[in-house]
Amino acid sequence: MSALGDDHPVALVTGSALGIGRAIVEALRDAGYVVYASMRGVEGRNAEAAQSLKAQGENRVHRIEMDVLSEESCQAAVEQLCHASGRLDVVVNNAGMLMNGMAESFTPRQFLSILDTNAVSWLRVNRAVLRAQGRGTIVYVGSTTTYVPEPIIGLYQASKAAGDALARAMALEIRPFGIESLFLVPGAFPEGTDHFADAQSGDDPERTISYGALTDRLPALTGRIETIDREEGLELAVRSVGEQLAQALEKPVGERPSHVFIDWASEGRRCHRRGRRASPIALHREAGIRRPSTGV
């Protein structure tokens, strides 16, 4: 990253039309960043969201067309940004998708699709930005599901775990070049995002028939997670994700946390500290999931 341009640090946020991405854009803008809010369809399906961000940005938010599924699009967007700003200080890999349903109901093609969006896209973005960088921070928006196994979102969990493994390896590789990595780990946010509403279902639903009542109980867990948040006194607003990232980035280079968790009941943080995966037993019990009988 070059030191050209004004004194405002510059950030690129992918998948910024709605939800967590938009919250991050707004929080970084309020923290004094010039933010390039990338999305697909700036002049099409996301035109309204793009215009709204620009209108609120006070000349510090710029819309930029970028498709994280295309290496050419990522490269072109970063070149456009660097030409306009002369610098790039923070890159936030946020774009992602959710698939919701029994793993068996999804086809291999669907699995490859979510892997492409939630893991391979990080490689595309990083390949585009690393040539522009000599210092700075790459942020990865992960998920507590990487640490806490849950039913019904198996493909999503696998894709986020793949992205997490890739990001951890790249973090070690690029550290000698002065580039920090920060893992932002949100839990479930039923409010403030379209993540659940836009979730894809399996193309082979007949596969779920044998699961019986389990398929009816699991969707109710989203509401249960929201209830747990309120019981714990946690803020459900998705803006807290952006605010906590901005606070972490305020710290001097070398003193920033490697992980920032924003999750219900702190399950992800506890599992991460233990350094192993653990099952949220209470939720599994509510879903009617029990250990198979050994017959003994």
C-alpha atoms as a PDB file:
ATOM      1  CA  MET A   1       0.000   0.000   0.000  1.00  0.00           C
ATOM      2  CA  SER A   2       1.354   3.360  -0.882  1.00  0.00           C
ATOM      3  CA  ALA A   3       1.350   6.430   1.300  1.00  0.00           C
ATOM      4  CA  LEU A   4      -0.083   8.628  -1.444  1.00  0.00           C
ATOM      5  CA  GLY A   5      -3.373  10.493  -1.058  1.00  0.00           C
ATOM      6  CA  ASP A   6      -4.810  12.347   1.934  1.00  0.00           C
ATOM      7  CA  ASP A   7      -4.543  11.406   5.583  1.00  0.00           C
ATOM      8  CA  HIS A   8      -7.676   9.271   5.652  1.00  0.00           C
ATOM      9  CA  PRO A   9      -6.996   5.528   5.655  1.00  0.00           C
ATOM     10  CA  VAL A  10      -8.683   3.635   2.830  1.00  0.00           C
ATOM     11  CA  ALA A  11     -10.696   0.424   3.195  1.00  0.00           C
ATOM     12  CA  LEU A  12     -12.247  -1.995   0.722  1.00  0.00           C
ATOM     13  CA  VAL A  13     -15.285  -3.974   1.952  1.00  0.00           C
ATOM     14  CA  THR A  14     -16.724  -6.788  -0.155  1.00  0.00           C
ATOM     15  CA  GLY A  15     -20.388  -7.759  -0.081  1.00  0.00           C
ATOM     16  CA  SER A  16     -21.377  -4.378   1.316  1.00  0.00           C
ATOM     17  CA  ALA A  17     -24.903  -3.880  -0.012  1.00  0.00           C
ATOM     18  CA  LEU A  18     -26.659  -5.177   3.102  1.00  0.00           C
ATOM     19  CA  GLY A  19     -26.251  -6.659   6.558  1.00  0.00           C
ATOM     20  CA  ILE A  20     -22.821  -7.094   8.096  1.00  0.00           C
ATOM     21  CA  GLY A  21     -21.035  -5.641   5.072  1.00  0.00           C
ATOM     22  CA  ARG A  22     -23.054  -2.455   5.190  1.00  0.00           C
ATOM     23  CA  ALA A  23     -22.576  -2.216   8.970  1.00  0.00           C
ATOM     24  CA  ILE A  24     -18.816  -2.454   8.476  1.00  0.00           C
ATOM     25  CA  VAL A  25     -18.862   0.230   5.780  1.00  0.00           C
ATOM     26  CA  GLU A  26     -20.788   2.609   8.032  1.00  0.00           C
ATOM     27  CA  ALA A  27     -18.610   1.931  11.080  1.00  0.00           C
ATOM     28  CA  LEU A  28     -15.353   2.466   9.180  1.00  0.00           C
ATOM     29  CA  ARG A  29     -16.748   5.624   7.596  1.00  0.00           C
ATOM     30  CA  ASP A  30     -17.613   6.951  11.061  1.00  0.00           C
ATOM     31  CA  ALA A  31     -14.100   6.025  12.226  1.00  0.00           C
ATOM     32  CA  GLY A  32     -12.574   8.296   9.566  1.00  0.00           C
ATOM     33  CA  TYR A  33     -11.907   5.858   6.735  1.00  0.00           C
ATOM     34  CA  VAL A  34     -12.531   6.426   3.068  1.00  0.00           C
ATOM     35  CA  VAL A  35     -14.475   3.272   2.246  1.00  0.00           C
ATOM     36  CA  TYR A  36     -14.901   1.549  -1.097  1.00  0.00           C
ATOM     37  CA  ALA A  37     -18.113  -0.439  -0.788  1.00  0.00           C
ATOM     38  CA  SER A  38     -17.954  -3.242  -3.319  1.00  0.00           C
ATOM     39  CA  MET A  39     -20.902  -5.271  -4.574  1.00  0.00           C
ATOM     40  CA  ARG A  40     -22.371  -6.791  -7.692  1.00  0.00           C
ATOM     41  CA  GLY A  41     -24.942  -4.843  -9.673  1.00  0.00           C
ATOM     42  CA  VAL A  42     -24.082  -1.306  -8.584  1.00  0.00           C
ATOM     43  CA  GLU A  43     -26.232  -0.052 -11.449  1.00  0.00           C
ATOM     44  CA  GLY A  44     -28.608  -3.030 -11.328  1.00  0.00           C
ATOM     45  CA  ARG A  45     -30.087  -5.118  -8.522  1.00  0.00           C
ATOM     46  CA  ASN A  46     -28.107  -3.323  -5.808  1.00  0.00           C
ATOM     47  CA  ALA A  47     -28.510   0.165  -7.260  1.00  0.00           C
ATOM     48  CA  GLU A  48     -30.750   1.364  -4.426  1.00  0.00           C
ATOM     49  CA  ALA A  49     -28.410   0.078  -1.711  1.00  0.00           C
ATOM     50  CA  ALA A  50     -25.385   1.513  -3.516  1.00  0.00           C
ATOM     51  CA  GLN A  51     -27.002   4.922  -3.885  1.00  0.00           C
ATOM     52  CA  SER A  52     -28.066   4.925  -0.234  1.00  0.00           C
ATOM     53  CA  LEU A  53     -24.521   4.212   0.919  1.00  0.00           C
ATOM     54  CA  LYS A  54     -23.155   6.960  -1.295  1.00  0.00           C
ATOM     55  CA  ALA A  55     -25.752   9.459  -0.058  1.00  0.00           C
ATOM     56  CA  GLN A  56     -24.858   8.764   3.578  1.00  0.00           C
ATOM     57  CA  GLY A  57     -21.143   8.727   2.967  1.00  0.00           C
ATOM     58  CA  GLU A  58     -20.320  12.436   3.005  1.00  0.00           C
ATOM     59  CA  ASN A  59     -17.851  11.810   0.147  1.00  0.00           C
ATOM     60  CA  ARG A  60     -16.121   9.110   2.185  1.00  0.00           C
ATOM     61  CA  VAL A  61     -18.048   6.145   0.772  1.00  0.00           C
ATOM     62  CA  HIS A  62     -17.533   5.136  -2.854  1.00  0.00           C
ATOM     63  CA  ARG A  63     -19.486   2.427  -4.652  1.00  0.00           C
ATOM     64  CA  ILE A  64     -17.441   0.022  -6.701  1.00  0.00           C
ATOM     65  CA  GLU A  65     -18.518  -2.858  -8.926  1.00  0.00           C
ATOM     66  CA  MET A  66     -16.877  -6.106  -7.889  1.00  0.00           C
ATOM     67  CA  ASP A  67     -17.843  -9.750  -8.325  1.00  0.00           C
ATOM     68  CA  VAL A  68     -15.843 -11.924  -5.924  1.00  0.00           C
ATOM     69  CA  LEU A  69     -16.581 -14.944  -8.129  1.00  0.00           C
ATOM     70  CA  SER A  70     -14.506 -13.403 -10.937  1.00  0.00           C
ATOM     71  CA  GLU A  71     -10.756 -12.923 -10.660  1.00  0.00           C
ATOM     72  CA  GLU A  72     -10.855 -10.390 -13.495  1.00  0.00           C
ATOM     73  CA  SER A  73     -13.520  -8.359 -11.678  1.00  0.00           C
ATOM     74  CA  CYS A  74     -11.535  -8.384  -8.426  1.00  0.00           C
ATOM     75  CA  GLN A  75      -8.376  -7.266 -10.204  1.00  0.00           C
ATOM     76  CA  ALA A  76     -10.161  -4.483 -12.088  1.00  0.00           C
ATOM     77  CA  ALA A  77     -11.863  -3.169  -8.951  1.00  0.00           C
ATOM     78  CA  VAL A  78      -8.637  -3.032  -6.947  1.00  0.00           C
ATOM     79  CA  GLU A  79      -6.791  -1.313  -9.794  1.00  0.00           C
ATOM     80  CA  GLN A  80      -9.594   1.262 -10.029  1.00  0.00           C
ATOM     81  CA  LEU A  81      -9.496   1.843  -6.269  1.00  0.00           C
ATOM     82  CA  CYS A  82      -5.723   2.225  -6.082  1.00  0.00           C
ATOM     83  CA  HIS A  83      -5.682   4.580  -9.056  1.00  0.00           C
ATOM     84  CA  ALA A  84      -8.316   6.784  -7.420  1.00  0.00           C
ATOM     85  CA  SER A  85      -7.059   6.727  -3.826  1.00  0.00           C
ATOM     86  CA  GLY A  86      -3.341   6.054  -4.096  1.00  0.00           C
ATOM     87  CA  ARG A  87      -3.471   3.802  -1.058  1.00  0.00           C
ATOM     88  CA  LEU A  88      -5.177   0.790   0.475  1.00  0.00           C
ATOM     89  CA  ASP A  89      -4.982   0.171   4.206  1.00  0.00           C
ATOM     90  CA  VAL A  90      -7.691  -2.346   5.097  1.00  0.00           C
ATOM     91  CA  VAL A  91      -9.373  -5.072   3.044  1.00  0.00           C
ATOM     92  CA  VAL A  92     -12.474  -6.763   4.488  1.00  0.00           C
ATOM     93  CA  ASN A  93     -13.371 -10.137   2.983  1.00  0.00           C
ATOM     94  CA  ASN A  94     -17.069 -10.189   3.863  1.00  0.00           C
ATOM     95  CA  ALA A  95     -19.024 -11.404   0.817  1.00  0.00           C
ATOM     96  CA  GLY A  96     -20.696 -14.724   1.523  1.00  0.00           C
ATOM     97  CA  MET A  97     -23.809 -16.862   1.260  1.00  0.00           C
ATOM     98  CA  LEU A  98     -25.832 -19.296   3.397  1.00  0.00           C
ATOM     99  CA  MET A  99     -27.293 -22.694   2.570  1.00  0.00           C
ATOM    100  CA  ASN A 100     -29.856 -23.918   5.069  1.00  0.00           C
ATOM    101  CA  GLY A 101     -31.061 -27.520   5.240  1.00  0.00           C
ATOM    102  CA  MET A 102     -30.007 -31.109   5.759  1.00  0.00           C
ATOM    103  CA  ALA A 103     -26.604 -31.637   4.150  1.00  0.00           C
ATOM    104  CA  GLU A 104     -27.849 -34.681   2.267  1.00  0.00           C
ATOM    105  CA  SER A 105     -30.455 -32.586   0.422  1.00  0.00           C
ATOM    106  CA  PHE A 106     -27.783 -30.509  -1.330  1.00  0.00           C
ATOM    107  CA  THR A 107     -26.071 -31.612  -4.518  1.00  0.00           C
ATOM    108  CA  PRO A 108     -22.280 -31.648  -4.933  1.00  0.00           C
ATOM    109  CA  ARG A 109     -22.694 -28.789  -7.413  1.00  0.00           C
ATOM    110  CA  GLN A 110     -24.361 -26.695  -4.698  1.00  0.00           C
ATOM    111  CA  PHE A 111     -21.557 -27.521  -2.283  1.00  0.00           C
ATOM    112  CA  LEU A 112     -18.964 -26.364  -4.804  1.00  0.00           C
ATOM    113  CA  SER A 113     -20.967 -23.162  -5.256  1.00  0.00           C
ATOM    114  CA  ILE A 114     -20.901 -22.215  -1.575  1.00  0.00           C
ATOM    115  CA  LEU A 115     -17.216 -23.142  -1.322  1.00  0.00           C
ATOM    116  CA  ASP A 116     -16.544 -20.823  -4.257  1.00  0.00           C
ATOM    117  CA  THR A 117     -18.325 -17.929  -2.561  1.00  0.00           C
ATOM    118  CA  ASN A 118     -17.239 -18.410   1.047  1.00  0.00           C
ATOM    119  CA  ALA A 119     -13.660 -19.631   0.589  1.00  0.00           C
ATOM    120  CA  VAL A 120     -12.272 -19.354  -2.937  1.00  0.00           C
ATOM    121  CA  SER A 121     -13.444 -15.740  -3.187  1.00  0.00           C
ATOM    122  CA  TRP A 122     -11.047 -14.825  -0.371  1.00  0.00           C
ATOM    123  CA  LEU A 123      -8.176 -16.130  -2.485  1.00  0.00           C
ATOM    124  CA  ARG A 124      -9.354 -14.086  -5.483  1.00  0.00           C
ATOM    125  CA  VAL A 125      -9.568 -10.887  -3.466  1.00  0.00           C
ATOM    126  CA  ASN A 126      -6.230 -11.483  -1.753  1.00  0.00           C
ATOM    127  CA  ARG A 127      -4.474 -12.165  -5.057  1.00  0.00           C
ATOM    128  CA  ALA A 128      -5.787  -8.839  -6.325  1.00  0.00           C
ATOM    129  CA  VAL A 129      -4.872  -6.740  -3.291  1.00  0.00           C
ATOM    130  CA  LEU A 130      -1.568  -8.244  -2.202  1.00  0.00           C
ATOM    131  CA  ARG A 131       0.287  -6.794  -5.173  1.00  0.00           C
ATOM    132  CA  ALA A 132      -0.955  -3.364  -4.118  1.00  0.00           C
ATOM    133  CA  GLN A 133       0.143  -3.766  -0.518  1.00  0.00           C
ATOM    134  CA  GLY A 134       3.325  -3.271   1.398  1.00  0.00           C
ATOM    135  CA  ARG A 135       1.587  -2.905   4.745  1.00  0.00           C
ATOM    136  CA  GLY A 136      -1.927  -2.947   6.099  1.00  0.00           C
ATOM    137  CA  THR A 137      -4.583  -5.334   7.363  1.00  0.00           C
ATOM    138  CA  ILE A 138      -6.691  -8.032   5.749  1.00  0.00           C
ATOM    139  CA  VAL A 139      -9.901  -8.801   7.643  1.00  0.00           C
ATOM    140  CA  TYR A 140     -11.813 -12.053   7.252  1.00  0.00           C
ATOM    141  CA  VAL A 141     -15.467 -12.241   8.287  1.00  0.00           C
ATOM    142  CA  GLY A 142     -15.809 -15.786   9.539  1.00  0.00           C
ATOM    143  CA  SER A 143     -18.451 -17.471  11.674  1.00  0.00           C
ATOM    144  CA  THR A 144     -18.767 -19.023  15.115  1.00  0.00           C
ATOM    145  CA  THR A 145     -20.026 -22.129  13.313  1.00  0.00           C
ATOM    146  CA  THR A 146     -16.397 -22.838  12.443  1.00  0.00           C
ATOM    147  CA  TYR A 147     -15.925 -23.639  16.137  1.00  0.00           C
ATOM    148  CA  VAL A 148     -19.410 -24.775  17.189  1.00  0.00           C
ATOM    149  CA  PRO A 149     -20.956 -27.554  15.072  1.00  0.00           C
ATOM    150  CA  GLU A 150     -24.667 -27.095  14.419  1.00  0.00           C
ATOM    151  CA  PRO A 151     -27.152 -29.141  12.379  1.00  0.00           C
ATOM    152  CA  ILE A 152     -28.934 -27.834   9.256  1.00  0.00           C
ATOM    153  CA  ILE A 153     -26.071 -25.574   8.125  1.00  0.00           C
ATOM    154  CA  GLY A 154     -23.449 -28.235   7.439  1.00  0.00           C
ATOM    155  CA  LEU A 155     -22.479 -26.960   3.987  1.00  0.00           C
ATOM    156  CA  TYR A 156     -22.185 -23.411   5.288  1.00  0.00           C
ATOM    157  CA  GLN A 157     -20.016 -24.584   8.188  1.00  0.00           C
ATOM    158  CA  ALA A 158     -17.749 -26.550   5.885  1.00  0.00           C
ATOM    159  CA  SER A 159     -17.313 -23.597   3.531  1.00  0.00           C
ATOM    160  CA  LYS A 160     -16.505 -21.175   6.358  1.00  0.00           C
ATOM    161  CA  ALA A 161     -14.074 -23.685   7.880  1.00  0.00           C
ATOM    162  CA  ALA A 162     -12.334 -23.981   4.507  1.00  0.00           C
ATOM    163  CA  GLY A 163     -12.059 -20.214   4.262  1.00  0.00           C
ATOM    164  CA  ASP A 164     -10.764 -20.034   7.822  1.00  0.00           C
ATOM    165  CA  ALA A 165      -8.048 -22.622   7.151  1.00  0.00           C
ATOM    166  CA  LEU A 166      -6.964 -20.819   3.984  1.00  0.00           C
ATOM    167  CA  ALA A 167      -6.896 -17.453   5.747  1.00  0.00           C
ATOM    168  CA  ARG A 168      -4.858 -18.773   8.675  1.00  0.00           C
ATOM    169  CA  ALA A 169      -2.241 -20.197   6.328  1.00  0.00           C
ATOM    170  CA  MET A 170      -2.067 -17.016   4.257  1.00  0.00           C
ATOM    171  CA  ALA A 171      -1.800 -14.945   7.443  1.00  0.00           C
ATOM    172  CA  LEU A 172       1.447 -16.726   8.270  1.00  0.00           C
ATOM    173  CA  GLU A 173       2.749 -16.339   4.718  1.00  0.00           C
ATOM    174  CA  ILE A 174       2.115 -12.597   4.403  1.00  0.00           C
ATOM    175  CA  ARG A 175       3.078 -11.535   7.925  1.00  0.00           C
ATOM    176  CA  PRO A 176       6.770 -11.071   6.992  1.00  0.00           C
ATOM    177  CA  PHE A 177       5.659  -8.479   4.415  1.00  0.00           C
ATOM    178  CA  GLY A 178       4.103  -6.291   7.110  1.00  0.00           C
ATOM    179  CA  ILE A 179       0.516  -7.322   6.424  1.00  0.00           C
ATOM    180  CA  GLU A 180      -1.639  -8.126   9.443  1.00  0.00           C
ATOM    181  CA  SER A 181      -4.616 -10.469   9.443  1.00  0.00           C
ATOM    182  CA  LEU A 182      -7.679 -10.056  11.647  1.00  0.00           C
ATOM    183  CA  PHE A 183     -10.488 -12.583  12.010  1.00  0.00           C
ATOM    184  CA  LEU A 184     -13.922 -11.120  12.714  1.00  0.00           C
ATOM    185  CA  VAL A 185     -16.171 -13.894  14.033  1.00  0.00           C
ATOM    186  CA  PRO A 186     -19.876 -13.036  14.283  1.00  0.00           C
ATOM    187  CA  GLY A 187     -22.551 -15.406  15.499  1.00  0.00           C
ATOM    188  CA  ALA A 188     -26.101 -15.626  14.169  1.00  0.00           C
ATOM    189  CA  PHE A 189     -27.815 -12.313  13.498  1.00  0.00           C
ATOM    190  CA  PRO A 190     -31.456 -13.078  12.603  1.00  0.00           C
ATOM    191  CA  GLU A 191     -32.201  -9.330  12.582  1.00  0.00           C
ATOM    192  CA  GLY A 192     -30.478  -6.729  10.435  1.00  0.00           C
ATOM    193  CA  THR A 193     -29.385  -9.059   7.637  1.00  0.00           C
ATOM    194  CA  ASP A 194     -30.945 -11.001   4.769  1.00  0.00           C
ATOM    195  CA  HIS A 195     -28.661 -13.934   5.518  1.00  0.00           C
ATOM    196  CA  PHE A 196     -31.431 -16.275   6.646  1.00  0.00           C
ATOM    197  CA  ALA A 197     -34.113 -14.914   4.312  1.00  0.00           C
ATOM    198  CA  ASP A 198     -31.876 -15.411   1.265  1.00  0.00           C
ATOM    199  CA  ALA A 199     -30.528 -18.807   2.313  1.00  0.00           C
ATOM    200  CA  GLN A 200     -30.593 -21.451  -0.400  1.00  0.00           C
ATOM    201  CA  SER A 201     -32.238 -24.809   0.202  1.00  0.00           C
ATOM    202  CA  GLY A 202     -31.229 -28.195  -1.156  1.00  0.00           C
ATOM    203  CA  ASP A 203     -32.078 -29.143  -4.734  1.00  0.00           C
ATOM    204  CA  ASP A 204     -32.941 -32.684  -3.624  1.00  0.00           C
ATOM    205  CA  PRO A 205     -35.539 -32.187  -0.830  1.00  0.00           C
ATOM    206  CA  GLU A 206     -36.811 -35.768  -1.025  1.00  0.00           C
ATOM    207  CA  ARG A 207     -33.623 -36.797   0.741  1.00  0.00           C
ATOM    208  CA  THR A 208     -34.892 -35.130   3.936  1.00  0.00           C
ATOM    209  CA  ILE A 209     -38.083 -37.197   4.281  1.00  0.00           C
ATOM    210  CA  SER A 210     -36.394 -39.885   6.344  1.00  0.00           C
ATOM    211  CA  TYR A 211     -35.310 -37.309   8.940  1.00  0.00           C
ATOM    212  CA  GLY A 212     -38.931 -36.943  10.059  1.00  0.00           C
ATOM    213  CA  ALA A 213     -39.798 -34.368  12.724  1.00  0.00           C
ATOM    214  CA  LEU A 214     -36.202 -33.194  12.983  1.00  0.00           C
ATOM    215  CA  THR A 215     -36.609 -31.129   9.817  1.00  0.00           C
ATOM    216  CA  ASP A 216     -39.556 -29.303  11.417  1.00  0.00           C
ATOM    217  CA  ARG A 217     -37.783 -28.526  14.689  1.00  0.00           C
ATOM    218  CA  LEU A 218     -34.531 -27.134  13.355  1.00  0.00           C
ATOM    219  CA  PRO A 219     -35.829 -23.924  11.710  1.00  0.00           C
ATOM    220  CA  ALA A 220     -37.150 -22.835  15.120  1.00  0.00           C
ATOM    221  CA  LEU A 221     -33.575 -22.696  16.405  1.00  0.00           C
ATOM    222  CA  THR A 222     -33.059 -19.341  14.720  1.00  0.00           C
ATOM    223  CA  GLY A 223     -35.683 -17.865  17.015  1.00  0.00           C
ATOM    224  CA  ARG A 224     -34.142 -19.659  19.985  1.00  0.00           C
ATOM    225  CA  ILE A 225     -30.753 -18.125  19.256  1.00  0.00           C
ATOM    226  CA  GLU A 226     -32.374 -14.694  19.254  1.00  0.00           C
ATOM    227  CA  THR A 227     -33.965 -15.457  22.634  1.00  0.00           C
ATOM    228  CA  ILE A 228     -30.604 -16.510  24.059  1.00  0.00           C
ATOM    229  CA  ASP A 229     -29.155 -13.172  22.934  1.00  0.00           C
ATOM    230  CA  ARG A 230     -31.804 -11.239  24.815  1.00  0.00           C
ATOM    231  CA  GLU A 231     -31.457 -13.393  27.937  1.00  0.00           C
ATOM    232  CA  GLU A 232     -27.723 -12.751  27.915  1.00  0.00           C
ATOM    233  CA  GLY A 233     -28.287  -9.017  27.528  1.00  0.00           C
ATOM    234  CA  LEU A 234     -26.444  -8.946  24.214  1.00  0.00           C
ATOM    235  CA  GLU A 235     -27.112  -6.375  21.526  1.00  0.00           C
ATOM    236  CA  LEU A 236     -28.753  -7.971  18.530  1.00  0.00           C
ATOM    237  CA  ALA A 237     -28.128  -5.029  16.215  1.00  0.00           C
ATOM    238  CA  VAL A 238     -25.857  -5.999  13.366  1.00  0.00           C
ATOM    239  CA  ARG A 239     -24.137  -2.622  13.633  1.00  0.00           C
ATOM    240  CA  SER A 240     -22.224  -3.986  16.635  1.00  0.00           C
ATOM    241  CA  VAL A 241     -20.176  -6.130  14.230  1.00  0.00           C
ATOM    242  CA  GLY A 242     -18.919  -3.082  12.369  1.00  0.00           C
ATOM    243  CA  GLU A 243     -18.355  -1.108  15.550  1.00  0.00           C
ATOM    244  CA  GLN A 244     -16.230  -3.817  17.144  1.00  0.00           C
ATOM    245  CA  LEU A 245     -14.116  -4.136  14.010  1.00  0.00           C
ATOM    246  CA  ALA A 246     -13.553  -0.371  13.951  1.00  0.00           C
ATOM    247  CA  GLN A 247     -12.507  -0.472  17.606  1.00  0.00           C
ATOM    248  CA  ALA A 248     -10.029  -3.265  16.929  1.00  0.00           C
ATOM    249  CA  LEU A 249      -8.513  -1.362  14.003  1.00  0.00           C
ATOM    250  CA  GLU A 250      -8.010   1.695  16.214  1.00  0.00           C
ATOM    251  CA  LYS A 251      -5.309  -0.173  18.106  1.00  0.00           C
ATOM    252  CA  PRO A 252      -1.713   0.250  16.921  1.00  0.00           C
ATOM    253  CA  VAL A 253      -0.282  -2.230  14.459  1.00  0.00           C
ATOM    254  CA  GLY A 254       1.093  -5.170  16.388  1.00  0.00           C
ATOM    255  CA  GLU A 255      -1.341  -4.686  19.277  1.00  0.00           C
ATOM    256  CA  ARG A 256      -4.551  -5.657  17.517  1.00  0.00           C
ATOM    257  CA  PRO A 257      -6.314  -8.887  18.489  1.00  0.00           C
ATOM    258  CA  SER A 258      -6.097 -11.751  16.032  1.00  0.00           C
ATOM    259  CA  HIS A 259      -9.779 -12.602  16.576  1.00  0.00           C
ATOM    260  CA  VAL A 260     -12.813 -10.480  17.438  1.00  0.00           C
ATOM    261  CA  PHE A 261     -15.886 -12.487  18.475  1.00  0.00           C
ATOM    262  CA  ILE A 262     -19.425 -11.090  18.372  1.00  0.00           C
ATOM    263  CA  ASP A 263     -21.613 -14.084  19.134  1.00  0.00           C
ATOM    264  CA  TRP A 264     -24.484 -15.379  21.250  1.00  0.00           C
ATOM    265  CA  ALA A 265     -23.525 -16.731  24.660  1.00  0.00           C
ATOM    266  CA  SER A 266     -19.839 -16.433  23.652  1.00  0.00           C
ATOM    267  CA  GLU A 267     -19.812 -20.055  22.455  1.00  0.00           C
ATOM    268  CA  GLY A 268     -17.378 -19.369  19.633  1.00  0.00           C
ATOM    269  CA  ARG A 269     -14.938 -17.580  21.921  1.00  0.00           C
ATOM    270  CA  ARG A 270     -14.987 -20.388  24.478  1.00  0.00           C
ATOM    271  CA  CYS A 271     -14.432 -23.062  21.843  1.00  0.00           C
ATOM    272  CA  HIS A 272     -11.607 -21.086  20.279  1.00  0.00           C
ATOM    273  CA  ARG A 273      -9.852 -20.630  23.608  1.00  0.00           C
ATOM    274  CA  ARG A 274     -10.061 -24.344  24.295  1.00  0.00           C
ATOM    275  CA  GLY A 275      -8.482 -24.958  20.914  1.00  0.00           C
ATOM    276  CA  ARG A 276     -10.980 -27.650  19.963  1.00  0.00           C
ATOM    277  CA  ARG A 277     -14.512 -28.042  18.669  1.00  0.00           C
ATOM    278  CA  ALA A 278     -17.402 -28.462  21.118  1.00  0.00           C
ATOM    279  CA  SER A 279     -21.090 -29.156  20.700  1.00  0.00           C
ATOM    280  CA  PRO A 280     -23.666 -26.668  22.017  1.00  0.00           C
ATOM    281  CA  ILE A 281     -25.457 -29.421  23.932  1.00  0.00           C
ATOM    282  CA  ALA A 282     -28.492 -27.351  24.927  1.00  0.00           C
ATOM    283  CA  LEU A 283     -29.342 -26.491  21.329  1.00  0.00           C
ATOM    284  CA  HIS A 284     -28.838 -30.056  20.202  1.00  0.00           C
ATOM    285  CA  ARG A 285     -31.195 -31.245  22.927  1.00  0.00           C
ATOM    286  CA  GLU A 286     -33.852 -28.743  21.852  1.00  0.00           C
ATOM    287  CA  ALA A 287     -33.503 -29.964  18.280  1.00  0.00           C
ATOM    288  CA  GLY A 288     -34.118 -33.516  19.440  1.00  0.00           C
ATOM    289  CA  ILE A 289     -30.638 -34.705  18.503  1.00  0.00           C
ATOM    290  CA  ARG A 290     -29.312 -37.438  20.775  1.00  0.00           C
ATOM    291  CA  ARG A 291     -26.335 -39.728  20.702  1.00  0.00           C
ATOM    292  CA  PRO A 292     -27.117 -43.017  18.950  1.00  0.00           C
ATOM    293  CA  SER A 293     -27.747 -45.949  21.242  1.00  0.00           C
ATOM    294  CA  THR A 294     -24.828 -48.344  21.604  1.00  0.00           C
ATOM    295  CA  GLY A 295     -27.177 -51.222  22.335  1.00  0.00           C
ATOM    296  CA  VAL A 296     -25.318 -51.936  25.572  1.00  0.00           C
END
